[in-house]
Every structure is written in structure tokens, then in C-alpha cells.
C-alpha atoms as a PDB file:
ATOM      1  CA  MET A   1       2.060 -15.390 -11.752  1.00  0.00           C
ATOM      2  CA  GLY A   2      -0.536 -17.554 -10.115  1.00  0.00           C
ATOM      3  CA  ALA A   3      -3.172 -18.924 -12.473  1.00  0.00           C
ATOM      4  CA  ASP A   4      -5.947 -17.319 -10.426  1.00  0.00           C
ATOM      5  CA  VAL A   5      -4.135 -13.961 -10.539  1.00  0.00           C
ATOM      6  CA  ALA A   6      -3.788 -14.198 -14.309  1.00  0.00           C
ATOM      7  CA  ALA A   7      -7.471 -15.042 -14.685  1.00  0.00           C
ATOM      8  CA  ASP A   8      -8.401 -11.867 -12.791  1.00  0.00           C
ATOM      9  CA  LEU A   9      -5.860  -9.559 -14.446  1.00  0.00           C
ATOM     10  CA  PHE A  10      -5.739 -10.919 -17.979  1.00  0.00           C
ATOM     11  CA  PRO A  11      -8.774 -13.041 -18.870  1.00  0.00           C
ATOM     12  CA  ALA A  12      -8.705 -14.514 -22.359  1.00  0.00           C
ATOM     13  CA  ASN A  13     -10.766 -11.658 -23.788  1.00  0.00           C
ATOM     14  CA  ARG A  14      -7.993  -9.204 -22.858  1.00  0.00           C
ATOM     15  CA  HIS A  15      -5.123 -11.035 -24.535  1.00  0.00           C
ATOM     16  CA  ALA A  16      -5.672  -9.226 -27.827  1.00  0.00           C
ATOM     17  CA  GLU A  17      -5.008  -5.910 -26.041  1.00  0.00           C
ATOM     18  CA  PHE A  18      -1.292  -6.736 -25.989  1.00  0.00           C
ATOM     19  CA  GLU A  19      -1.199  -6.673 -29.798  1.00  0.00           C
ATOM     20  CA  PRO A  20       0.303  -5.576 -32.082  1.00  0.00           C
ATOM     21  CA  GLU A  21       3.250  -4.328 -30.016  1.00  0.00           C
ATOM     22  CA  VAL A  22       3.508  -7.435 -27.835  1.00  0.00           C
ATOM     23  CA  VAL A  23       3.125 -11.055 -28.940  1.00  0.00           C
ATOM     24  CA  LEU A  24       2.087 -13.489 -26.216  1.00  0.00           C
ATOM     25  CA  LEU A  25       4.058 -16.723 -26.368  1.00  0.00           C
ATOM     26  CA  ARG A  26       1.458 -18.573 -24.279  1.00  0.00           C
ATOM     27  CA  SER A  27      -2.250 -18.275 -23.619  1.00  0.00           C
ATOM     28  CA  GLU A  28      -1.764 -19.617 -20.067  1.00  0.00           C
ATOM     29  CA  PRO A  29       0.567 -18.069 -17.487  1.00  0.00           C
ATOM     30  CA  LEU A  30       3.798 -19.604 -16.317  1.00  0.00           C
ATOM     31  CA  THR A  31       3.321 -20.476 -12.665  1.00  0.00           C
ATOM     32  CA  GLY A  32       6.889 -21.711 -12.231  1.00  0.00           C
ATOM     33  CA  PHE A  33      10.239 -21.755 -14.021  1.00  0.00           C
ATOM     34  CA  ASP A  34      11.328 -25.369 -13.480  1.00  0.00           C
ATOM     35  CA  SER A  35       9.518 -27.260 -16.210  1.00  0.00           C
ATOM     36  CA  ALA A  36      10.873 -27.956 -19.683  1.00  0.00           C
ATOM     37  CA  GLU A  37       7.958 -25.972 -21.121  1.00  0.00           C
ATOM     38  CA  ALA A  38       8.813 -22.987 -18.922  1.00  0.00           C
ATOM     39  CA  ARG A  39      12.465 -23.092 -19.923  1.00  0.00           C
ATOM     40  CA  ALA A  40      11.515 -23.253 -23.598  1.00  0.00           C
ATOM     41  CA  THR A  41       9.276 -20.219 -23.155  1.00  0.00           C
ATOM     42  CA  LEU A  42      11.963 -18.307 -21.285  1.00  0.00           C
ATOM     43  CA  ARG A  43      14.454 -18.855 -24.105  1.00  0.00           C
ATOM     44  CA  GLN A  44      12.133 -16.948 -26.446  1.00  0.00           C
ATOM     45  CA  SER A  45      10.999 -14.258 -24.030  1.00  0.00           C
ATOM     46  CA  GLU A  46      12.043 -10.643 -24.357  1.00  0.00           C
ATOM     47  CA  LEU A  47       9.589  -9.412 -21.713  1.00  0.00           C
ATOM     48  CA  LEU A  48       8.047 -10.985 -18.619  1.00  0.00           C
ATOM     49  CA  VAL A  49       4.776  -9.772 -17.122  1.00  0.00           C
ATOM     50  CA  THR A  50       4.753 -10.884 -13.482  1.00  0.00           C
ATOM     51  CA  GLY A  51       2.179 -10.832 -10.717  1.00  0.00           C
ATOM     52  CA  TRP A  52       1.383 -12.135  -7.245  1.00  0.00           C
ATOM     53  CA  GLY A  53       2.639 -15.673  -6.846  1.00  0.00           C
ATOM     54  CA  CYS A  54       5.605 -15.268  -9.179  1.00  0.00           C
ATOM     55  CA  PRO A  55       8.517 -17.447  -8.012  1.00  0.00           C
ATOM     56  CA  PRO A  56      11.963 -15.813  -7.605  1.00  0.00           C
ATOM     57  CA  VAL A  57      13.566 -14.654 -10.840  1.00  0.00           C
ATOM     58  CA  SER A  58      17.012 -15.849  -9.853  1.00  0.00           C
ATOM     59  CA  ALA A  59      20.293 -15.806 -11.743  1.00  0.00           C
ATOM     60  CA  ALA A  60      19.567 -19.399 -12.781  1.00  0.00           C
ATOM     61  CA  VAL A  61      16.223 -18.361 -14.252  1.00  0.00           C
ATOM     62  CA  LEU A  62      17.871 -15.471 -16.064  1.00  0.00           C
ATOM     63  CA  ASN A  63      20.393 -17.882 -17.586  1.00  0.00           C
ATOM     64  CA  GLU A  64      17.423 -19.572 -19.249  1.00  0.00           C
ATOM     65  CA  ALA A  65      16.244 -16.217 -20.677  1.00  0.00           C
ATOM     66  CA  PRO A  66      19.123 -14.777 -22.720  1.00  0.00           C
ATOM     67  CA  ARG A  67      16.826 -12.459 -24.709  1.00  0.00           C
ATOM     68  CA  LEU A  68      15.050 -10.970 -21.708  1.00  0.00           C
ATOM     69  CA  LYS A  69      15.028  -7.158 -21.753  1.00  0.00           C
ATOM     70  CA  ALA A  70      12.301  -6.125 -19.330  1.00  0.00           C
ATOM     71  CA  ILE A  71      10.086  -7.287 -16.470  1.00  0.00           C
ATOM     72  CA  VAL A  72       6.721  -5.580 -15.969  1.00  0.00           C
ATOM     73  CA  HIS A  73       5.198  -6.298 -12.567  1.00  0.00           C
ATOM     74  CA  THR A  74       1.437  -5.948 -12.144  1.00  0.00           C
ATOM     75  CA  GLY A  75       1.689  -5.544  -8.362  1.00  0.00           C
ATOM     76  CA  GLY A  76       3.433  -3.070  -6.099  1.00  0.00           C
ATOM     77  CA  SER A  77       6.633  -4.397  -4.545  1.00  0.00           C
ATOM     78  CA  VAL A  78       9.111  -6.338  -6.692  1.00  0.00           C
ATOM     79  CA  LYS A  79      11.262  -7.322  -3.717  1.00  0.00           C
ATOM     80  CA  HIS A  80       9.541 -10.659  -3.231  1.00  0.00           C
ATOM     81  CA  HIS A  81      10.550 -12.111  -6.583  1.00  0.00           C
ATOM     82  CA  LEU A  82      13.338 -10.070  -8.176  1.00  0.00           C
ATOM     83  CA  SER A  83      16.990 -10.272  -7.171  1.00  0.00           C
ATOM     84  CA  ALA A  84      19.846  -7.847  -7.816  1.00  0.00           C
ATOM     85  CA  ALA A  85      20.889 -10.112 -10.701  1.00  0.00           C
ATOM     86  CA  VAL A  86      17.996  -8.668 -12.731  1.00  0.00           C
ATOM     87  CA  TRP A  87      19.372  -5.130 -12.570  1.00  0.00           C
ATOM     88  CA  ASP A  88      22.980  -6.361 -12.898  1.00  0.00           C
ATOM     89  CA  ARG A  89      22.055  -7.682 -16.331  1.00  0.00           C
ATOM     90  CA  GLY A  90      20.578  -4.351 -17.388  1.00  0.00           C
ATOM     91  CA  ILE A  91      16.999  -5.633 -17.469  1.00  0.00           C
ATOM     92  CA  VAL A  92      14.418  -2.861 -17.211  1.00  0.00           C
ATOM     93  CA  VAL A  93      11.981  -3.287 -14.317  1.00  0.00           C
ATOM     94  CA  THR A  94       8.655  -1.509 -13.857  1.00  0.00           C
ATOM     95  CA  SER A  95       5.787  -1.975 -11.428  1.00  0.00           C
ATOM     96  CA  ALA A  96       2.156  -0.993 -11.001  1.00  0.00           C
ATOM     97  CA  ALA A  97       2.819   0.499  -7.556  1.00  0.00           C
ATOM     98  CA  ALA A  98       1.429   3.854  -8.675  1.00  0.00           C
ATOM     99  CA  ALA A  99      -1.803   2.232  -9.881  1.00  0.00           C
ATOM    100  CA  ASN A 100      -2.115   0.216  -6.682  1.00  0.00           C
ATOM    101  CA  ALA A 101      -1.573   3.381  -4.616  1.00  0.00           C
ATOM    102  CA  LEU A 102      -4.936   4.848  -5.615  1.00  0.00           C
ATOM    103  CA  PRO A 103      -7.331   2.403  -3.890  1.00  0.00           C
ATOM    104  CA  VAL A 104      -5.178   2.488  -0.748  1.00  0.00           C
ATOM    105  CA  ALA A 105      -5.299   6.290  -0.806  1.00  0.00           C
ATOM    106  CA  GLU A 106      -9.077   6.200  -1.348  1.00  0.00           C
ATOM    107  CA  TYR A 107      -9.508   3.851   1.624  1.00  0.00           C
ATOM    108  CA  THR A 108      -7.318   6.159   3.714  1.00  0.00           C
ATOM    109  CA  LEU A 109      -9.296   9.247   2.724  1.00  0.00           C
ATOM    110  CA  ALA A 110     -12.581   7.541   3.572  1.00  0.00           C
ATOM    111  CA  THR A 111     -11.375   6.367   6.976  1.00  0.00           C
ATOM    112  CA  ILE A 112      -9.863   9.758   7.855  1.00  0.00           C
ATOM    113  CA  LEU A 113     -13.185  11.469   7.243  1.00  0.00           C
ATOM    114  CA  LEU A 114     -15.143   8.774   9.073  1.00  0.00           C
ATOM    115  CA  ALA A 115     -12.710   8.761  12.004  1.00  0.00           C
ATOM    116  CA  ASN A 116     -13.024  12.491  12.586  1.00  0.00           C
ATOM    117  CA  LYS A 117     -16.824  12.193  12.448  1.00  0.00           C
ATOM    118  CA  ARG A 118     -16.557   9.521  15.182  1.00  0.00           C
ATOM    119  CA  VAL A 119     -18.418   7.048  12.989  1.00  0.00           C
ATOM    120  CA  ILE A 120     -16.837   3.992  14.598  1.00  0.00           C
ATOM    121  CA  PRO A 121     -17.749   4.644  18.250  1.00  0.00           C
ATOM    122  CA  SER A 122     -21.123   6.202  17.372  1.00  0.00           C
ATOM    123  CA  SER A 123     -22.118   3.166  15.326  1.00  0.00           C
ATOM    124  CA  ARG A 124     -20.957   0.741  18.011  1.00  0.00           C
ATOM    125  CA  LEU A 125     -22.798   2.663  20.741  1.00  0.00           C
ATOM    126  CA  LEU A 126     -26.007   2.816  18.731  1.00  0.00           C
ATOM    127  CA  GLY A 127     -25.856  -0.900  17.990  1.00  0.00           C
ATOM    128  CA  ARG A 128     -25.149  -1.774  21.602  1.00  0.00           C
ATOM    129  CA  THR A 129     -27.676   0.481  23.342  1.00  0.00           C
ATOM    130  CA  GLN A 130     -30.179   1.162  20.526  1.00  0.00           C
ATOM    131  CA  ARG A 131     -30.244   4.784  21.644  1.00  0.00           C
ATOM    132  CA  PHE A 132     -28.154   7.879  21.011  1.00  0.00           C
ATOM    133  CA  ASP A 133     -28.116  11.295  22.682  1.00  0.00           C
ATOM    134  CA  ARG A 134     -26.071  13.920  20.873  1.00  0.00           C
ATOM    135  CA  ALA A 135     -25.819  16.034  23.990  1.00  0.00           C
ATOM    136  CA  THR A 136     -24.134  13.308  26.036  1.00  0.00           C
ATOM    137  CA  ASP A 137     -22.728  10.813  23.536  1.00  0.00           C
ATOM    138  CA  LEU A 138     -20.744  13.221  21.328  1.00  0.00           C
ATOM    139  CA  ASP A 139     -17.887  15.521  22.292  1.00  0.00           C
ATOM    140  CA  HIS A 140     -16.937  18.921  20.929  1.00  0.00           C
ATOM    141  CA  THR A 141     -13.962  17.496  18.984  1.00  0.00           C
ATOM    142  CA  ILE A 142     -16.162  15.727  16.409  1.00  0.00           C
ATOM    143  CA  GLY A 143     -15.793  16.889  12.802  1.00  0.00           C
ATOM    144  CA  ASN A 144     -13.240  17.368  10.049  1.00  0.00           C
ATOM    145  CA  PHE A 145     -12.911  21.136   9.895  1.00  0.00           C
ATOM    146  CA  GLY A 146      -9.393  22.244  10.785  1.00  0.00           C
ATOM    147  CA  LYS A 147      -8.170  18.839  11.916  1.00  0.00           C
ATOM    148  CA  ARG A 148      -4.476  17.997  11.586  1.00  0.00           C
ATOM    149  CA  ILE A 149      -3.769  14.887   9.510  1.00  0.00           C
ATOM    150  CA  GLY A 150      -0.290  13.430  10.004  1.00  0.00           C
ATOM    151  CA  LEU A 151       1.072  11.187   7.268  1.00  0.00           C
ATOM    152  CA  VAL A 152       4.067   9.023   8.098  1.00  0.00           C
ATOM    153  CA  GLY A 153       5.784   8.559   4.745  1.00  0.00           C
ATOM    154  CA  ALA A 154       5.639  10.571   1.520  1.00  0.00           C
ATOM    155  CA  SER A 155       5.498   7.367  -0.497  1.00  0.00           C
ATOM    156  CA  ALA A 156       3.503   6.912  -3.701  1.00  0.00           C
ATOM    157  CA  ILE A 157       0.487   6.157  -1.518  1.00  0.00           C
ATOM    158  CA  GLY A 158       1.229   9.009   0.870  1.00  0.00           C
ATOM    159  CA  ARG A 159       1.370  11.453  -2.026  1.00  0.00           C
ATOM    160  CA  ARG A 160      -1.925  10.220  -3.437  1.00  0.00           C
ATOM    161  CA  VAL A 161      -3.472  10.722   0.004  1.00  0.00           C
ATOM    162  CA  ILE A 162      -2.146  14.291   0.013  1.00  0.00           C
ATOM    163  CA  GLU A 163      -3.720  14.830  -3.397  1.00  0.00           C
ATOM    164  CA  LEU A 164      -7.092  13.428  -2.317  1.00  0.00           C
ATOM    165  CA  LEU A 165      -7.114  15.499   0.880  1.00  0.00           C
ATOM    166  CA  GLY A 166      -6.669  18.695  -1.133  1.00  0.00           C
ATOM    167  CA  PRO A 167     -10.369  19.729  -1.351  1.00  0.00           C
ATOM    168  CA  PHE A 168     -10.966  19.378   2.397  1.00  0.00           C
ATOM    169  CA  ASP A 169     -10.478  21.920   5.196  1.00  0.00           C
ATOM    170  CA  LEU A 170      -7.730  19.911   6.828  1.00  0.00           C
ATOM    171  CA  GLU A 171      -4.123  20.625   7.775  1.00  0.00           C
ATOM    172  CA  VAL A 172      -1.756  18.003   6.371  1.00  0.00           C
ATOM    173  CA  VAL A 173       1.661  17.373   7.901  1.00  0.00           C
ATOM    174  CA  VAL A 174       4.212  14.738   6.858  1.00  0.00           C
ATOM    175  CA  ALA A 175       7.140  12.974   8.511  1.00  0.00           C
ATOM    176  CA  ASP A 176       9.582  11.400   6.087  1.00  0.00           C
ATOM    177  CA  PRO A 177      13.407  11.517   6.286  1.00  0.00           C
ATOM    178  CA  TYR A 178      13.617  11.616   2.486  1.00  0.00           C
ATOM    179  CA  LEU A 179      11.193  14.538   2.055  1.00  0.00           C
ATOM    180  CA  SER A 180      12.910  17.914   1.660  1.00  0.00           C
ATOM    181  CA  SER A 181      11.351  21.188   2.764  1.00  0.00           C
ATOM    182  CA  ARG A 182      11.199  22.214  -0.897  1.00  0.00           C
ATOM    183  CA  ASP A 183       9.324  19.062  -1.907  1.00  0.00           C
ATOM    184  CA  ALA A 184       6.984  19.464   1.068  1.00  0.00           C
ATOM    185  CA  ALA A 185       6.181  22.992  -0.076  1.00  0.00           C
ATOM    186  CA  LEU A 186       5.496  21.745  -3.602  1.00  0.00           C
ATOM    187  CA  LEU A 187       3.122  19.145  -2.155  1.00  0.00           C
ATOM    188  CA  GLY A 188       1.400  21.811  -0.078  1.00  0.00           C
ATOM    189  CA  VAL A 189       2.191  20.143   3.253  1.00  0.00           C
ATOM    190  CA  THR A 190       4.271  20.929   6.328  1.00  0.00           C
ATOM    191  CA  ARG A 191       7.228  18.709   7.165  1.00  0.00           C
ATOM    192  CA  LEU A 192       7.539  17.721  10.838  1.00  0.00           C
ATOM    193  CA  ASP A 193       9.677  15.307  12.789  1.00  0.00           C
ATOM    194  CA  LEU A 194       7.913  12.094  13.709  1.00  0.00           C
ATOM    195  CA  GLU A 195       7.450  12.862  17.399  1.00  0.00           C
ATOM    196  CA  GLU A 196       5.841  16.249  16.778  1.00  0.00           C
ATOM    197  CA  LEU A 197       3.590  14.772  14.104  1.00  0.00           C
ATOM    198  CA  ILE A 198       2.405  11.959  16.370  1.00  0.00           C
ATOM    199  CA  SER A 199       1.839  14.154  19.407  1.00  0.00           C
ATOM    200  CA  THR A 200      -0.096  16.902  17.597  1.00  0.00           C
ATOM    201  CA  SER A 201      -2.112  15.118  14.889  1.00  0.00           C
ATOM    202  CA  ASP A 202      -5.780  14.240  15.123  1.00  0.00           C
ATOM    203  CA  VAL A 203      -5.181  11.382  12.697  1.00  0.00           C
ATOM    204  CA  VAL A 204      -1.877   9.562  12.180  1.00  0.00           C
ATOM    205  CA  SER A 205      -1.833   7.542   8.949  1.00  0.00           C
ATOM    206  CA  LEU A 206       1.041   5.195   8.108  1.00  0.00           C
ATOM    207  CA  HIS A 207       2.480   5.040   4.594  1.00  0.00           C
ATOM    208  CA  ALA A 208       6.047   3.890   5.207  1.00  0.00           C
ATOM    209  CA  PRO A 209       7.668   0.696   3.844  1.00  0.00           C
ATOM    210  CA  ALA A 210       8.387  -2.343   5.981  1.00  0.00           C
ATOM    211  CA  LEU A 211      12.167  -2.264   6.418  1.00  0.00           C
ATOM    212  CA  PRO A 212      14.429  -3.373   9.277  1.00  0.00           C
ATOM    213  CA  GLU A 213      14.740   0.257  10.382  1.00  0.00           C
ATOM    214  CA  THR A 214      10.960   0.796  10.356  1.00  0.00           C
ATOM    215  CA  HIS A 215      10.115  -2.275  12.462  1.00  0.00           C
ATOM    216  CA  HIS A 216       7.963  -0.969  15.338  1.00  0.00           C
ATOM    217  CA  LEU A 217       8.504   2.574  14.113  1.00  0.00           C
ATOM    218  CA  ILE A 218       5.348   3.355  16.053  1.00  0.00           C
ATOM    219  CA  ASP A 219       6.544   1.923  19.344  1.00  0.00           C
ATOM    220  CA  GLY A 220       5.109   2.133  22.842  1.00  0.00           C
ATOM    221  CA  ALA A 221       6.640   5.521  23.573  1.00  0.00           C
ATOM    222  CA  ARG A 222       5.243   7.040  20.390  1.00  0.00           C
ATOM    223  CA  ILE A 223       1.847   5.442  20.899  1.00  0.00           C
ATOM    224  CA  ARG A 224       1.705   7.067  24.325  1.00  0.00           C
ATOM    225  CA  MET A 225       2.459  10.419  22.633  1.00  0.00           C
ATOM    226  CA  MET A 226      -0.791  10.301  20.659  1.00  0.00           C
ATOM    227  CA  LYS A 227      -3.225  12.832  22.027  1.00  0.00           C
ATOM    228  CA  ARG A 228      -6.509  11.792  23.523  1.00  0.00           C
ATOM    229  CA  GLY A 229      -9.144  11.267  20.822  1.00  0.00           C
ATOM    230  CA  ALA A 230      -6.612  10.761  18.002  1.00  0.00           C
ATOM    231  CA  THR A 231      -6.909   7.940  15.457  1.00  0.00           C
ATOM    232  CA  LEU A 232      -4.142   5.713  14.110  1.00  0.00           C
ATOM    233  CA  ILE A 233      -4.701   4.375  10.581  1.00  0.00           C
ATOM    234  CA  ASN A 234      -2.472   1.620   9.243  1.00  0.00           C
ATOM    235  CA  THR A 235      -2.769   0.529   5.610  1.00  0.00           C
ATOM    236  CA  ALA A 236       0.971  -0.126   5.245  1.00  0.00           C
ATOM    237  CA  ARG A 237       2.326  -3.111   7.170  1.00  0.00           C
ATOM    238  CA  GLY A 238       1.534  -4.464  10.611  1.00  0.00           C
ATOM    239  CA  SER A 239       5.218  -4.632  11.529  1.00  0.00           C
ATOM    240  CA  LEU A 240       5.401  -0.827  11.641  1.00  0.00           C
ATOM    241  CA  VAL A 241       3.440  -0.844  14.912  1.00  0.00           C
ATOM    242  CA  ASP A 242       4.105  -2.379  18.305  1.00  0.00           C
ATOM    243  CA  GLN A 243       0.712  -4.042  18.330  1.00  0.00           C
ATOM    244  CA  ARG A 244       0.752  -4.996  22.009  1.00  0.00           C
ATOM    245  CA  ALA A 245       1.527  -1.416  23.043  1.00  0.00           C
ATOM    246  CA  LEU A 246      -1.158  -0.119  20.680  1.00  0.00           C
ATOM    247  CA  THR A 247      -3.734  -2.539  22.079  1.00  0.00           C
ATOM    248  CA  ASP A 248      -2.884  -1.528  25.637  1.00  0.00           C
ATOM    249  CA  ARG A 249      -3.522   2.138  24.788  1.00  0.00           C
ATOM    250  CA  LEU A 250      -6.696   1.275  22.884  1.00  0.00           C
ATOM    251  CA  VAL A 251      -8.066  -0.600  25.878  1.00  0.00           C
ATOM    252  CA  THR A 252      -8.042   2.682  27.828  1.00  0.00           C
ATOM    253  CA  GLY A 253     -10.472   4.143  25.281  1.00  0.00           C
ATOM    254  CA  GLU A 254      -8.268   7.210  24.868  1.00  0.00           C
ATOM    255  CA  ILE A 255      -7.511   6.736  21.159  1.00  0.00           C
ATOM    256  CA  TYR A 256      -9.008   5.035  18.095  1.00  0.00           C
ATOM    257  CA  ALA A 257      -7.533   2.815  15.377  1.00  0.00           C
ATOM    258  CA  VAL A 258      -8.353   1.785  11.828  1.00  0.00           C
ATOM    259  CA  LEU A 259      -6.230  -1.265  11.046  1.00  0.00           C
ATOM    260  CA  ASP A 260      -6.260  -2.799   7.577  1.00  0.00           C
ATOM    261  CA  VAL A 261      -3.010  -4.607   8.401  1.00  0.00           C
ATOM    262  CA  THR A 262      -1.869  -6.216  11.615  1.00  0.00           C
ATOM    263  CA  ASP A 263       1.005  -8.384  12.806  1.00  0.00           C
ATOM    264  CA  PRO A 264       0.247 -11.235  12.164  1.00  0.00           C
ATOM    265  CA  TRP A 265      -1.912 -10.571   9.116  1.00  0.00           C
ATOM    266  CA  ILE A 266      -4.938 -12.033  10.863  1.00  0.00           C
ATOM    267  CA  PRO A 267      -4.920 -11.532  14.646  1.00  0.00           C
ATOM    268  CA  ALA A 268      -5.066 -14.710  16.694  1.00  0.00           C
ATOM    269  CA  PRO A 269      -8.506 -15.942  17.792  1.00  0.00           C
ATOM    270  CA  GLY A 270      -9.580 -14.084  20.893  1.00  0.00           C
ATOM    271  CA  ASP A 271      -7.330 -11.081  20.239  1.00  0.00           C
ATOM    272  CA  ARG A 272      -8.677  -7.959  21.940  1.00  0.00           C
ATOM    273  CA  LEU A 273      -8.634  -6.049  18.645  1.00  0.00           C
ATOM    274  CA  TYR A 274     -11.691  -7.999  17.487  1.00  0.00           C
ATOM    275  CA  THR A 275     -13.975  -6.634  20.174  1.00  0.00           C
ATOM    276  CA  LEU A 276     -12.683  -3.187  21.122  1.00  0.00           C
ATOM    277  CA  PRO A 277     -15.404  -0.611  20.291  1.00  0.00           C
ATOM    278  CA  ASN A 278     -12.806   1.996  19.256  1.00  0.00           C
ATOM    279  CA  VAL A 279     -11.198  -0.209  16.580  1.00  0.00           C
ATOM    280  CA  LEU A 280     -12.158  -0.765  12.948  1.00  0.00           C
ATOM    281  CA  LEU A 281     -10.420  -3.946  11.791  1.00  0.00           C
ATOM    282  CA  THR A 282     -10.443  -4.872   8.081  1.00  0.00           C
ATOM    283  CA  PRO A 283      -8.711  -7.856   6.392  1.00  0.00           C
ATOM    284  CA  HIS A 284      -6.136  -6.104   4.182  1.00  0.00           C
ATOM    285  CA  ILE A 285      -8.698  -4.816   1.662  1.00  0.00           C
ATOM    286  CA  ALA A 286      -7.281  -1.330   1.032  1.00  0.00           C
ATOM    287  CA  GLY A 287      -5.173  -2.413  -1.945  1.00  0.00           C
ATOM    288  CA  SER A 288      -6.429  -3.350  -5.394  1.00  0.00           C
ATOM    289  CA  LEU A 289      -9.268  -5.878  -5.374  1.00  0.00           C
ATOM    290  CA  GLY A 290     -12.131  -6.786  -7.686  1.00  0.00           C
ATOM    291  CA  THR A 291     -12.695  -4.160 -10.343  1.00  0.00           C
ATOM    292  CA  GLU A 292      -9.555  -2.301  -9.238  1.00  0.00           C
ATOM    293  CA  LEU A 293      -7.424  -5.104 -10.683  1.00  0.00           C
ATOM    294  CA  ARG A 294      -8.351  -3.787 -14.119  1.00  0.00           C
ATOM    295  CA  ARG A 295      -6.316  -0.671 -13.349  1.00  0.00           C
ATOM    296  CA  LEU A 296      -3.251  -2.802 -12.583  1.00  0.00           C
ATOM    297  CA  ALA A 297      -3.705  -4.727 -15.825  1.00  0.00           C
ATOM    298  CA  ALA A 298      -4.089  -1.505 -17.815  1.00  0.00           C
ATOM    299  CA  ALA A 299      -0.914  -0.102 -16.250  1.00  0.00           C
ATOM    300  CA  ALA A 300       1.029  -3.252 -17.123  1.00  0.00           C
ATOM    301  CA  LEU A 301      -0.314  -3.283 -20.666  1.00  0.00           C
ATOM    302  CA  ASP A 302       0.737   0.332 -21.148  1.00  0.00           C
ATOM    303  CA  GLU A 303       4.233  -0.326 -19.828  1.00  0.00           C
ATOM    304  CA  ALA A 304       4.675  -3.456 -21.960  1.00  0.00           C
ATOM    305  CA  LYS A 305       3.670  -1.588 -25.104  1.00  0.00           C
ATOM    306  CA  ARG A 306       5.925   1.368 -24.319  1.00  0.00           C
ATOM    307  CA  ILE A 307       8.909  -0.916 -23.790  1.00  0.00           C
ATOM    308  CA  ALA A 308       8.121  -2.879 -26.962  1.00  0.00           C
ATOM    309  CA  ASP A 309       8.025   0.401 -28.905  1.00  0.00           C
ATOM    310  CA  GLY A 310      11.381   1.474 -27.503  1.00  0.00           C
ATOM    311  CA  ARG A 311       9.854   4.219 -25.344  1.00  0.00           C
ATOM    312  CA  THR A 312      10.823   4.981 -21.751  1.00  0.00           C
ATOM    313  CA  PRO A 313       8.567   3.256 -19.211  1.00  0.00           C
ATOM    314  CA  ARG A 314       6.462   5.491 -16.996  1.00  0.00           C
ATOM    315  CA  HIS A 315       7.204   3.711 -13.717  1.00  0.00           C
ATOM    316  CA  PRO A 316      10.725   2.221 -13.691  1.00  0.00           C
ATOM    317  CA  VAL A 317      12.009   0.582 -10.512  1.00  0.00           C
ATOM    318  CA  VAL A 318      15.614   1.605  -9.830  1.00  0.00           C
ATOM    319  CA  ILE A 319      17.763  -0.730  -7.775  1.00  0.00           C
ATOM    320  CA  ASP A 320      19.177   2.138  -5.687  1.00  0.00           C
ATOM    321  CA  ASP A 321      15.640   2.783  -4.390  1.00  0.00           C
ATOM    322  CA  LEU A 322      15.067  -0.749  -3.117  1.00  0.00           C
ATOM    323  CA  THR A 323      16.515  -0.003   0.313  1.00  0.00           C
ATOM    324  CA  ARG A 324      13.871   2.650   1.006  1.00  0.00           C
ATOM    325  CA  ILE A 325      10.730   1.546  -0.831  1.00  0.00           C
ATOM    326  CA  ALA A 326       8.212  -1.191  -0.098  1.00  0.00           C
END
């Protein structure tokens, strides 16, 4: 992993937490696999702990690691650095996706509640005019009671959002081709097709992976289906949304958006999203940051110790799931 990532996740005072089950071969992280020192370390390694900035673990890298039994990833997706060769060799893979799901779900919960209370436009109006009249500046749709929340994707994050929404007087519906009616009932939600969810929800929140088949899943036609006053929340990936079509609808003032991700990651200078009063734009902060990185480190430590003890990991990544997960 990157040296800065390692410093945040595993500062020197945490190294002893690996013991006695796991023995660290180095006090500093490997940031690449090409050096003689890296190859020497790989030859001894039975377990790799990876993080953001890890270079690809290719077949050539695996040839340098004949004793390798497991890879524990401290982030969410393993697609950026692990190839099928890892699973072909029977190497166990786990990730901290479940731990990273919680802050994203918390961000989503917060923005759902704020969106339905019309916090974004009320704050912008107050700042612009320095006055506010409840009789004329609010509409009767404000509030969270009885609102329909539509989640696109029953992913790890989507399921944590469902869990966090439990105490509130909200109706939760989900669109996900892999979610059965039985599983929806167990989650306490109603399963809908995507079009019905989009056209009837007060908030549409995206929790689907970025795959070729989900590119512009929320296209112009579906954006136009959103009812007046609805809010689109995207904490997943910017590529899920036709951003130009979304911006065109936002310009009308008919809908709202909370965008933690866009396409590109940072909109170009002068993009209309920066100044629209019905948009809350944040720079990809929903995932684990700051103190939340400690949760990722704790999850990785737990998995490493379980594997070292011969126990089953809590969060294995199965190769058959790679085509449908982030």
C-alpha cells in the first residue's frame, strides 16, 4: 500500500497488535513489487495486507510468493489490484468492504433526513436573502414522516442504509436484480422495479456497483421520471448517472441532488453543479476518512489473525461475485 496509507492505518504503535498470531516481516510497507527487497519479502510472505495504492498482484508477483496463502485488503474493492490468478491459486481473499460501508451509510442517512427537511434550499435562500418566511418559502411536502426512500442496490452499503433507516417513520423500497422477494421481506423492505422506484420515491439513493451494465443506469429518461421535489443521492460512482441529463433537470429547479461522486471525480471549473442552489456537492467524503480508518485497520487485523489461526475469515471475497460487486 502507499506509505501515507500505511501511516494512517497502521502507525508504528499499532504494529504490536498483529502479534502473536501474525509476525510482520517489515516495519515499513511495500509500495511496489519490483525491487530486490520486495521480492525477498514476498518469498517469505504467507499473508499480504493490502491497501489503497497497492500495485497489481499479477501472476508474476505471485510467482515470487510461493508461500502466500491469503490477501487481506483494508479497502473496499479488490478489483483494482487483484487478478483472477490470485483465486486460481487458491489464495484466500478478504476485504474491509463491510467496515467501509458504515460511514457511507451514515452519510446517506444524514443526507436523506436533511433532504426531506429541505435543508439545502432553505440554507441557500437564507444566505442569499438574509430573510425567511415559512408561509411562503416552505411547501407542504417538507418533512420525513411517511416519505418513500428508494435504494438502488441492496449492496453491503445499501443494507446498512436499510438498517440505519429502521427507527424512522419512512417507507423503504429497493430495486436490485439480485434481491429476491424473500430477502426483501427479511430486510423489511419492498422490492420494486427500477422505473417504479424512481418515479414514486421522494429520495432515490444509489448503492450499485460501477459495471459496464450500470453505466448511466440513471439515464435521461429515468431522471425525467423523478417526481417534482424528489432528491437524488449518489455516494456510489459518478458513472451511474448521466450527469448532463441530471444537470439539465436540476436547472429547472424541479428536483434536488446530493452528489458525493461525479463524473469526472471533480467537475470541471465552471460546471453548473457548483452553483445550483438545489445541489449539495461534496468531494467524495462519504467513505472512510480520518478516525474511520481505524475501523478498517481493526477489520484487517481481525481477519489476519483469524486466517493465521486457521479460522474462517468473516468477509471472504469470492471470485464468482466479482462480476456484480464494486
